[in-house]
């Protein structure tokens, strides 16, 4: 059941009409300003019911793409850029991208980052050094997330999406605890085995204790450097089966459920690549 709008707005219109028939149609920038009208306005506009309603209406009436240019450098530990810009582009309506967010970083700049992940207007910006940022271009909020468990290699993998059961946004992270080289059974070369971990962080919690990474069960296979597919309630990772006693590898899909925080293994395309170590 949807929560009731906050009472006591002082409007001649009923609250359900004011908020969910009129204010719901306004752009985000204007809604941010209206949050300062009163506490009841702020609570209602920030409520999950209102946010999801505004999001659903926006996706039906306006189609757009979010563009985040990034630098490419040979050394991922060096500064990637002194600033970060986010653009909105509406295919078929304009040939020019609109700047919607610009942030400068002093004095050292933002580390080099991989491909940002997007969910419901929010951007997750994962840096190759392990730093992670969440950006809401519409409200101009930019927050650095707490650091996760240390990875022994620059091999951080991230997923970002909405959990319909808890009605919260969650970030998942894959990292490498350790690795070792194991001799092949036939004595021809070695293969590297990894000990991998997995953890999640829930956004929007009011508790300081909850604002941290929570370990989950370890993934059965090492997750690969490919952008995951994030659907409501599930993250789909591309992974590689262990090769400790074989000269071939098999790709699989790992489905991570946000409901019970478990992995399910699904065969991908059993294409074997001989001779890889």
C-alpha atoms as a PDB file:
ATOM      1  CA  UNK A   1       0.000   0.000   0.000  1.00  0.00           C
ATOM      2  CA  UNK A   2       1.396   3.387  -0.988  1.00  0.00           C
ATOM      3  CA  UNK A   3       2.158   5.851   1.824  1.00  0.00           C
ATOM      4  CA  UNK A   4      -0.155   8.804   2.336  1.00  0.00           C
ATOM      5  CA  UNK A   5       1.090  12.273   1.314  1.00  0.00           C
ATOM      6  CA  UNK A   6       2.227  14.509   4.133  1.00  0.00           C
ATOM      7  CA  UNK A   7      -0.566  16.514   5.662  1.00  0.00           C
ATOM      8  CA  UNK A   8      -0.734  20.157   6.588  1.00  0.00           C
ATOM      9  CA  UNK A   9       0.490  21.770   3.373  1.00  0.00           C
ATOM     10  CA  UNK A  10      -1.880  24.719   3.748  1.00  0.00           C
ATOM     11  CA  UNK A  11      -3.029  24.328   0.157  1.00  0.00           C
ATOM     12  CA  UNK A  12      -6.650  24.759  -0.976  1.00  0.00           C
ATOM     13  CA  UNK A  13      -6.152  21.638  -3.068  1.00  0.00           C
ATOM     14  CA  UNK A  14      -6.210  18.159  -1.521  1.00  0.00           C
ATOM     15  CA  UNK A  15      -2.712  16.832  -0.947  1.00  0.00           C
ATOM     16  CA  UNK A  16      -3.122  13.876  -3.305  1.00  0.00           C
ATOM     17  CA  UNK A  17      -4.045  16.211  -6.183  1.00  0.00           C
ATOM     18  CA  UNK A  18      -1.361  18.788  -5.349  1.00  0.00           C
ATOM     19  CA  UNK A  19       1.476  16.279  -5.140  1.00  0.00           C
ATOM     20  CA  UNK A  20       0.472  13.437  -7.427  1.00  0.00           C
ATOM     21  CA  UNK A  21      -1.394  15.310 -10.151  1.00  0.00           C
ATOM     22  CA  UNK A  22       0.503  18.620 -10.288  1.00  0.00           C
ATOM     23  CA  UNK A  23       3.952  18.486  -8.655  1.00  0.00           C
ATOM     24  CA  UNK A  24       4.564  15.064 -10.156  1.00  0.00           C
ATOM     25  CA  UNK A  25       4.684  16.738 -13.584  1.00  0.00           C
ATOM     26  CA  UNK A  26       7.455  19.197 -12.665  1.00  0.00           C
ATOM     27  CA  UNK A  27      11.155  18.722 -13.521  1.00  0.00           C
ATOM     28  CA  UNK A  28      13.521  17.558 -10.793  1.00  0.00           C
ATOM     29  CA  UNK A  29      15.332  20.897 -10.463  1.00  0.00           C
ATOM     30  CA  UNK A  30      12.094  22.634  -9.533  1.00  0.00           C
ATOM     31  CA  UNK A  31      11.083  19.891  -7.102  1.00  0.00           C
ATOM     32  CA  UNK A  32      14.407  20.302  -5.299  1.00  0.00           C
ATOM     33  CA  UNK A  33      13.592  23.976  -4.732  1.00  0.00           C
ATOM     34  CA  UNK A  34      10.069  23.140  -3.524  1.00  0.00           C
ATOM     35  CA  UNK A  35      11.478  20.865  -0.813  1.00  0.00           C
ATOM     36  CA  UNK A  36      12.335  24.014   1.145  1.00  0.00           C
ATOM     37  CA  UNK A  37       8.665  25.120   1.327  1.00  0.00           C
ATOM     38  CA  UNK A  38       7.988  23.084   4.438  1.00  0.00           C
ATOM     39  CA  UNK A  39       8.933  19.870   6.180  1.00  0.00           C
ATOM     40  CA  UNK A  40       5.797  18.125   4.910  1.00  0.00           C
ATOM     41  CA  UNK A  41       6.609  19.092   1.312  1.00  0.00           C
ATOM     42  CA  UNK A  42      10.181  17.861   1.732  1.00  0.00           C
ATOM     43  CA  UNK A  43       9.089  14.528   3.238  1.00  0.00           C
ATOM     44  CA  UNK A  44       6.522  13.868   0.517  1.00  0.00           C
ATOM     45  CA  UNK A  45       8.725  14.858  -2.423  1.00  0.00           C
ATOM     46  CA  UNK A  46      11.553  12.721  -1.010  1.00  0.00           C
ATOM     47  CA  UNK A  47       9.283   9.731  -0.325  1.00  0.00           C
ATOM     48  CA  UNK A  48       9.804   6.514  -2.269  1.00  0.00           C
ATOM     49  CA  UNK A  49       6.203   6.610  -3.516  1.00  0.00           C
ATOM     50  CA  UNK A  50       6.619  10.082  -5.031  1.00  0.00           C
ATOM     51  CA  UNK A  51      10.110   9.399  -6.450  1.00  0.00           C
ATOM     52  CA  UNK A  52       9.046   6.188  -8.186  1.00  0.00           C
ATOM     53  CA  UNK A  53       5.902   7.882  -9.541  1.00  0.00           C
ATOM     54  CA  UNK A  54       7.937  10.764 -10.941  1.00  0.00           C
ATOM     55  CA  UNK A  55      10.442   8.341 -12.452  1.00  0.00           C
ATOM     56  CA  UNK A  56       7.736   6.252 -14.129  1.00  0.00           C
ATOM     57  CA  UNK A  57       6.091   9.353 -15.590  1.00  0.00           C
ATOM     58  CA  UNK A  58       9.430  10.728 -16.821  1.00  0.00           C
ATOM     59  CA  UNK A  59      10.368   7.522 -18.626  1.00  0.00           C
ATOM     60  CA  UNK A  60       7.006   7.462 -20.409  1.00  0.00           C
ATOM     61  CA  UNK A  61       7.156  11.043 -21.629  1.00  0.00           C
ATOM     62  CA  UNK A  62      10.859  11.645 -22.289  1.00  0.00           C
ATOM     63  CA  UNK A  63      13.612   9.440 -23.630  1.00  0.00           C
ATOM     64  CA  UNK A  64      17.211  10.507 -23.082  1.00  0.00           C
ATOM     65  CA  UNK A  65      20.749   9.204 -22.807  1.00  0.00           C
ATOM     66  CA  UNK A  66      23.336  10.128 -20.175  1.00  0.00           C
ATOM     67  CA  UNK A  67      26.895  10.689 -21.415  1.00  0.00           C
ATOM     68  CA  UNK A  68      29.958  10.768 -19.143  1.00  0.00           C
ATOM     69  CA  UNK A  69      33.205  11.389 -21.087  1.00  0.00           C
ATOM     70  CA  UNK A  70      36.312   9.880 -19.517  1.00  0.00           C
ATOM     71  CA  UNK A  71      40.056   9.909 -20.076  1.00  0.00           C
ATOM     72  CA  UNK A  72      42.116   6.871 -20.924  1.00  0.00           C
ATOM     73  CA  UNK A  73      45.602   6.507 -19.427  1.00  0.00           C
ATOM     74  CA  UNK A  74      48.234   3.815 -19.396  1.00  0.00           C
ATOM     75  CA  UNK A  75      48.722   4.086 -15.629  1.00  0.00           C
ATOM     76  CA  UNK A  76      45.309   3.648 -13.908  1.00  0.00           C
ATOM     77  CA  UNK A  77      46.677   4.866 -10.557  1.00  0.00           C
ATOM     78  CA  UNK A  78      47.256   8.370 -11.891  1.00  0.00           C
ATOM     79  CA  UNK A  79      44.688  11.161 -11.911  1.00  0.00           C
ATOM     80  CA  UNK A  80      42.210  10.733 -14.719  1.00  0.00           C
ATOM     81  CA  UNK A  81      40.818  14.269 -14.843  1.00  0.00           C
ATOM     82  CA  UNK A  82      40.555  17.522 -12.899  1.00  0.00           C
ATOM     83  CA  UNK A  83      36.812  17.603 -13.532  1.00  0.00           C
ATOM     84  CA  UNK A  84      33.836  15.404 -14.381  1.00  0.00           C
ATOM     85  CA  UNK A  85      31.013  16.421 -16.717  1.00  0.00           C
ATOM     86  CA  UNK A  86      27.683  14.718 -17.347  1.00  0.00           C
ATOM     87  CA  UNK A  87      25.598  15.387 -20.434  1.00  0.00           C
ATOM     88  CA  UNK A  88      22.022  14.560 -21.424  1.00  0.00           C
ATOM     89  CA  UNK A  89      21.227  13.687 -25.015  1.00  0.00           C
ATOM     90  CA  UNK A  90      17.757  13.108 -26.481  1.00  0.00           C
ATOM     91  CA  UNK A  91      17.974  11.035 -29.678  1.00  0.00           C
ATOM     92  CA  UNK A  92      15.833  12.377 -32.500  1.00  0.00           C
ATOM     93  CA  UNK A  93      15.142  15.692 -30.744  1.00  0.00           C
ATOM     94  CA  UNK A  94      18.502  17.460 -30.802  1.00  0.00           C
ATOM     95  CA  UNK A  95      21.979  17.085 -32.235  1.00  0.00           C
ATOM     96  CA  UNK A  96      23.567  18.804 -29.225  1.00  0.00           C
ATOM     97  CA  UNK A  97      24.138  17.218 -25.804  1.00  0.00           C
ATOM     98  CA  UNK A  98      23.066  19.344 -22.822  1.00  0.00           C
ATOM     99  CA  UNK A  99      25.470  19.786 -19.895  1.00  0.00           C
ATOM    100  CA  UNK A 100      23.548  18.794 -16.753  1.00  0.00           C
ATOM    101  CA  UNK A 101      26.341  18.419 -14.189  1.00  0.00           C
ATOM    102  CA  UNK A 102      29.936  19.622 -13.874  1.00  0.00           C
ATOM    103  CA  UNK A 103      32.226  19.076 -10.899  1.00  0.00           C
ATOM    104  CA  UNK A 104      35.844  20.125 -10.416  1.00  0.00           C
ATOM    105  CA  UNK A 105      38.223  18.162  -8.220  1.00  0.00           C
ATOM    106  CA  UNK A 106      40.930  19.984  -6.273  1.00  0.00           C
ATOM    107  CA  UNK A 107      43.803  19.639  -5.837  1.00  0.00           C
ATOM    108  CA  UNK A 108      44.466  16.167  -7.246  1.00  0.00           C
ATOM    109  CA  UNK A 109      41.514  15.400  -9.501  1.00  0.00           C
ATOM    110  CA  UNK A 110      39.312  12.315  -9.779  1.00  0.00           C
ATOM    111  CA  UNK A 111      41.089   8.970 -10.329  1.00  0.00           C
ATOM    112  CA  UNK A 112      40.724   7.237 -13.652  1.00  0.00           C
ATOM    113  CA  UNK A 113      37.337   5.504 -13.725  1.00  0.00           C
ATOM    114  CA  UNK A 114      35.799   2.665 -15.699  1.00  0.00           C
ATOM    115  CA  UNK A 115      32.410   2.704 -17.437  1.00  0.00           C
ATOM    116  CA  UNK A 116      29.802   4.356 -15.123  1.00  0.00           C
ATOM    117  CA  UNK A 117      26.684   2.374 -14.229  1.00  0.00           C
ATOM    118  CA  UNK A 118      23.225   3.941 -14.409  1.00  0.00           C
ATOM    119  CA  UNK A 119      19.999   3.247 -12.521  1.00  0.00           C
ATOM    120  CA  UNK A 120      16.903   5.456 -12.362  1.00  0.00           C
ATOM    121  CA  UNK A 121      18.813   8.683 -12.987  1.00  0.00           C
ATOM    122  CA  UNK A 122      21.628   7.853 -10.545  1.00  0.00           C
ATOM    123  CA  UNK A 123      25.205   7.283 -11.699  1.00  0.00           C
ATOM    124  CA  UNK A 124      27.724   4.963 -10.067  1.00  0.00           C
ATOM    125  CA  UNK A 125      31.283   6.007 -10.972  1.00  0.00           C
ATOM    126  CA  UNK A 126      33.804   3.256 -10.073  1.00  0.00           C
ATOM    127  CA  UNK A 127      37.471   4.270 -10.134  1.00  0.00           C
ATOM    128  CA  UNK A 128      40.220   1.794 -10.943  1.00  0.00           C
ATOM    129  CA  UNK A 129      41.973   2.687  -7.686  1.00  0.00           C
ATOM    130  CA  UNK A 130      38.973   1.432  -5.674  1.00  0.00           C
ATOM    131  CA  UNK A 131      37.256   4.765  -4.965  1.00  0.00           C
ATOM    132  CA  UNK A 132      33.520   4.830  -5.781  1.00  0.00           C
ATOM    133  CA  UNK A 133      31.216   7.813  -6.282  1.00  0.00           C
ATOM    134  CA  UNK A 134      27.433   8.156  -6.552  1.00  0.00           C
ATOM    135  CA  UNK A 135      26.118  11.105  -8.549  1.00  0.00           C
ATOM    136  CA  UNK A 136      22.592  12.441  -8.996  1.00  0.00           C
ATOM    137  CA  UNK A 137      22.961  14.893 -11.911  1.00  0.00           C
ATOM    138  CA  UNK A 138      19.418  16.234 -11.468  1.00  0.00           C
ATOM    139  CA  UNK A 139      19.971  17.325  -7.853  1.00  0.00           C
ATOM    140  CA  UNK A 140      23.716  17.933  -8.278  1.00  0.00           C
ATOM    141  CA  UNK A 141      24.528  15.600  -5.364  1.00  0.00           C
ATOM    142  CA  UNK A 142      27.928  13.896  -5.501  1.00  0.00           C
ATOM    143  CA  UNK A 143      28.940  11.474  -2.728  1.00  0.00           C
ATOM    144  CA  UNK A 144      31.950   9.217  -2.243  1.00  0.00           C
ATOM    145  CA  UNK A 145      31.052   5.779  -0.890  1.00  0.00           C
ATOM    146  CA  UNK A 146      33.031   4.213   1.969  1.00  0.00           C
ATOM    147  CA  UNK A 147      35.971   2.038   0.862  1.00  0.00           C
ATOM    148  CA  UNK A 148      35.355  -1.667   0.441  1.00  0.00           C
ATOM    149  CA  UNK A 149      37.556  -4.621   1.298  1.00  0.00           C
ATOM    150  CA  UNK A 150      41.075  -4.257  -0.072  1.00  0.00           C
ATOM    151  CA  UNK A 151      41.747  -6.052  -3.358  1.00  0.00           C
ATOM    152  CA  UNK A 152      45.256  -7.355  -4.029  1.00  0.00           C
ATOM    153  CA  UNK A 153      44.913  -6.433  -7.707  1.00  0.00           C
ATOM    154  CA  UNK A 154      43.259  -3.558  -9.570  1.00  0.00           C
ATOM    155  CA  UNK A 155      40.413  -5.902 -10.321  1.00  0.00           C
ATOM    156  CA  UNK A 156      37.352  -4.239  -8.833  1.00  0.00           C
ATOM    157  CA  UNK A 157      33.992  -5.118 -10.402  1.00  0.00           C
ATOM    158  CA  UNK A 158      30.744  -3.337  -9.561  1.00  0.00           C
ATOM    159  CA  UNK A 159      27.005  -3.750 -10.095  1.00  0.00           C
ATOM    160  CA  UNK A 160      24.342  -1.166  -9.266  1.00  0.00           C
ATOM    161  CA  UNK A 161      20.578  -1.513  -9.219  1.00  0.00           C
ATOM    162  CA  UNK A 162      17.231  -1.385  -7.433  1.00  0.00           C
ATOM    163  CA  UNK A 163      16.073  -3.977  -4.913  1.00  0.00           C
ATOM    164  CA  UNK A 164      12.246  -4.203  -5.211  1.00  0.00           C
ATOM    165  CA  UNK A 165      11.943  -6.205  -1.995  1.00  0.00           C
ATOM    166  CA  UNK A 166      13.609  -3.667   0.309  1.00  0.00           C
ATOM    167  CA  UNK A 167      12.833  -0.764  -2.089  1.00  0.00           C
ATOM    168  CA  UNK A 168      16.399   0.482  -1.850  1.00  0.00           C
ATOM    169  CA  UNK A 169      19.305   0.927  -4.248  1.00  0.00           C
ATOM    170  CA  UNK A 170      22.248  -1.390  -3.771  1.00  0.00           C
ATOM    171  CA  UNK A 171      25.840  -1.591  -4.964  1.00  0.00           C
ATOM    172  CA  UNK A 172      27.608  -4.947  -5.291  1.00  0.00           C
ATOM    173  CA  UNK A 173      31.367  -5.303  -5.438  1.00  0.00           C
ATOM    174  CA  UNK A 174      33.700  -8.146  -6.450  1.00  0.00           C
ATOM    175  CA  UNK A 175      37.312  -8.130  -5.240  1.00  0.00           C
ATOM    176  CA  UNK A 176      40.345 -10.440  -5.092  1.00  0.00           C
ATOM    177  CA  UNK A 177      41.693 -11.496  -1.688  1.00  0.00           C
ATOM    178  CA  UNK A 178      44.672 -13.488  -2.962  1.00  0.00           C
ATOM    179  CA  UNK A 179      45.955 -15.551  -5.844  1.00  0.00           C
ATOM    180  CA  UNK A 180      48.493 -18.306  -6.473  1.00  0.00           C
ATOM    181  CA  UNK A 181      50.009 -20.114  -9.445  1.00  0.00           C
ATOM    182  CA  UNK A 182      49.332 -23.853  -9.660  1.00  0.00           C
ATOM    183  CA  UNK A 183      51.228 -26.276 -11.873  1.00  0.00           C
ATOM    184  CA  UNK A 184      49.196 -27.979 -14.593  1.00  0.00           C
ATOM    185  CA  UNK A 185      48.480 -31.690 -14.086  1.00  0.00           C
ATOM    186  CA  UNK A 186      50.471 -32.545 -17.206  1.00  0.00           C
ATOM    187  CA  UNK A 187      53.415 -30.430 -16.102  1.00  0.00           C
ATOM    188  CA  UNK A 188      53.041 -27.982 -18.969  1.00  0.00           C
ATOM    189  CA  UNK A 189      52.938 -24.516 -17.465  1.00  0.00           C
ATOM    190  CA  UNK A 190      50.935 -23.061 -14.585  1.00  0.00           C
ATOM    191  CA  UNK A 191      47.505 -21.596 -14.102  1.00  0.00           C
ATOM    192  CA  UNK A 192      46.626 -18.783 -11.730  1.00  0.00           C
ATOM    193  CA  UNK A 193      43.842 -19.387  -9.213  1.00  0.00           C
ATOM    194  CA  UNK A 194      42.094 -16.532  -7.411  1.00  0.00           C
ATOM    195  CA  UNK A 195      40.353 -16.272  -4.051  1.00  0.00           C
ATOM    196  CA  UNK A 196      37.504 -13.833  -4.724  1.00  0.00           C
ATOM    197  CA  UNK A 197      35.063 -12.081  -2.433  1.00  0.00           C
ATOM    198  CA  UNK A 198      31.746 -10.270  -2.875  1.00  0.00           C
ATOM    199  CA  UNK A 199      29.996  -7.591  -0.791  1.00  0.00           C
ATOM    200  CA  UNK A 200      27.061  -5.194  -1.040  1.00  0.00           C
ATOM    201  CA  UNK A 201      26.250  -1.699   0.204  1.00  0.00           C
ATOM    202  CA  UNK A 202      22.729  -0.302   0.618  1.00  0.00           C
ATOM    203  CA  UNK A 203      22.169   3.354  -0.290  1.00  0.00           C
ATOM    204  CA  UNK A 204      19.808   5.717   1.495  1.00  0.00           C
ATOM    205  CA  UNK A 205      20.015   4.162   4.957  1.00  0.00           C
ATOM    206  CA  UNK A 206      19.735   6.523   7.903  1.00  0.00           C
ATOM    207  CA  UNK A 207      21.753   4.327  10.222  1.00  0.00           C
ATOM    208  CA  UNK A 208      25.490   5.031  10.363  1.00  0.00           C
ATOM    209  CA  UNK A 209      26.072   1.359  11.218  1.00  0.00           C
ATOM    210  CA  UNK A 210      24.347   0.329   7.970  1.00  0.00           C
ATOM    211  CA  UNK A 211      26.447   2.713   5.879  1.00  0.00           C
ATOM    212  CA  UNK A 212      29.087   0.122   5.078  1.00  0.00           C
ATOM    213  CA  UNK A 213      29.841  -2.952   3.019  1.00  0.00           C
ATOM    214  CA  UNK A 214      28.205  -6.229   3.990  1.00  0.00           C
ATOM    215  CA  UNK A 215      29.943  -9.473   2.981  1.00  0.00           C
ATOM    216  CA  UNK A 216      27.909 -12.050   1.074  1.00  0.00           C
ATOM    217  CA  UNK A 217      28.723 -15.596   0.030  1.00  0.00           C
ATOM    218  CA  UNK A 218      31.758 -15.756  -2.237  1.00  0.00           C
ATOM    219  CA  UNK A 219      31.153 -16.094  -5.965  1.00  0.00           C
ATOM    220  CA  UNK A 220      31.806 -19.667  -7.164  1.00  0.00           C
ATOM    221  CA  UNK A 221      34.001 -18.373 -10.000  1.00  0.00           C
ATOM    222  CA  UNK A 222      36.065 -15.289 -10.646  1.00  0.00           C
ATOM    223  CA  UNK A 223      34.010 -12.460 -12.174  1.00  0.00           C
ATOM    224  CA  UNK A 224      35.284 -11.082 -15.467  1.00  0.00           C
ATOM    225  CA  UNK A 225      35.910  -7.510 -16.573  1.00  0.00           C
ATOM    226  CA  UNK A 226      32.596  -7.028 -18.315  1.00  0.00           C
ATOM    227  CA  UNK A 227      29.770  -4.648 -17.481  1.00  0.00           C
ATOM    228  CA  UNK A 228      27.115  -6.613 -15.544  1.00  0.00           C
ATOM    229  CA  UNK A 229      23.442  -6.661 -16.452  1.00  0.00           C
ATOM    230  CA  UNK A 230      21.460  -5.106 -13.581  1.00  0.00           C
ATOM    231  CA  UNK A 231      17.739  -5.884 -13.426  1.00  0.00           C
ATOM    232  CA  UNK A 232      15.378  -5.146 -10.508  1.00  0.00           C
ATOM    233  CA  UNK A 233      16.346  -7.634  -7.820  1.00  0.00           C
ATOM    234  CA  UNK A 234      19.138  -9.362  -9.745  1.00  0.00           C
ATOM    235  CA  UNK A 235      22.694  -8.769 -10.947  1.00  0.00           C
ATOM    236  CA  UNK A 236      24.073 -10.872 -13.797  1.00  0.00           C
ATOM    237  CA  UNK A 237      27.868 -11.240 -13.815  1.00  0.00           C
ATOM    238  CA  UNK A 238      30.036 -12.762 -16.532  1.00  0.00           C
ATOM    239  CA  UNK A 239      32.425 -15.268 -14.933  1.00  0.00           C
ATOM    240  CA  UNK A 240      35.089 -17.788 -15.854  1.00  0.00           C
ATOM    241  CA  UNK A 241      35.193 -21.358 -14.576  1.00  0.00           C
ATOM    242  CA  UNK A 242      38.296 -22.591 -12.788  1.00  0.00           C
ATOM    243  CA  UNK A 243      41.007 -23.972 -15.042  1.00  0.00           C
ATOM    244  CA  UNK A 244      43.282 -25.586 -12.457  1.00  0.00           C
ATOM    245  CA  UNK A 245      43.253 -29.012 -14.132  1.00  0.00           C
ATOM    246  CA  UNK A 246      42.372 -28.091 -17.686  1.00  0.00           C
ATOM    247  CA  UNK A 247      43.787 -26.248 -20.668  1.00  0.00           C
ATOM    248  CA  UNK A 248      40.386 -24.914 -21.627  1.00  0.00           C
ATOM    249  CA  UNK A 249      38.020 -22.411 -20.062  1.00  0.00           C
ATOM    250  CA  UNK A 250      34.247 -22.061 -20.046  1.00  0.00           C
ATOM    251  CA  UNK A 251      32.243 -18.878 -19.662  1.00  0.00           C
ATOM    252  CA  UNK A 252      29.271 -18.870 -17.309  1.00  0.00           C
ATOM    253  CA  UNK A 253      26.745 -16.340 -16.051  1.00  0.00           C
ATOM    254  CA  UNK A 254      26.412 -15.803 -12.313  1.00  0.00           C
ATOM    255  CA  UNK A 255      23.034 -14.512 -11.183  1.00  0.00           C
ATOM    256  CA  UNK A 256      23.139 -12.774  -7.814  1.00  0.00           C
ATOM    257  CA  UNK A 257      19.782 -12.386  -6.047  1.00  0.00           C
ATOM    258  CA  UNK A 258      19.271  -9.329  -3.850  1.00  0.00           C
ATOM    259  CA  UNK A 259      16.461 -11.171  -2.050  1.00  0.00           C
ATOM    260  CA  UNK A 260      18.505 -13.981  -0.478  1.00  0.00           C
ATOM    261  CA  UNK A 261      21.993 -12.786  -1.518  1.00  0.00           C
ATOM    262  CA  UNK A 262      22.967 -16.025  -3.225  1.00  0.00           C
ATOM    263  CA  UNK A 263      24.568 -16.936  -6.553  1.00  0.00           C
ATOM    264  CA  UNK A 264      23.114 -19.200  -9.219  1.00  0.00           C
ATOM    265  CA  UNK A 265      25.310 -20.525 -12.018  1.00  0.00           C
ATOM    266  CA  UNK A 266      23.962 -20.482 -15.563  1.00  0.00           C
ATOM    267  CA  UNK A 267      25.852 -21.868 -18.586  1.00  0.00           C
ATOM    268  CA  UNK A 268      26.717 -19.150 -21.094  1.00  0.00           C
ATOM    269  CA  UNK A 269      27.977 -20.457 -24.385  1.00  0.00           C
ATOM    270  CA  UNK A 270      30.259 -23.399 -23.814  1.00  0.00           C
ATOM    271  CA  UNK A 271      32.944 -22.087 -26.133  1.00  0.00           C
ATOM    272  CA  UNK A 272      36.352 -23.457 -25.227  1.00  0.00           C
ATOM    273  CA  UNK A 273      39.581 -21.588 -25.837  1.00  0.00           C
ATOM    274  CA  UNK A 274      42.422 -24.086 -25.931  1.00  0.00           C
ATOM    275  CA  UNK A 275      45.909 -23.270 -24.710  1.00  0.00           C
ATOM    276  CA  UNK A 276      45.005 -20.295 -22.452  1.00  0.00           C
ATOM    277  CA  UNK A 277      46.763 -20.136 -19.093  1.00  0.00           C
END
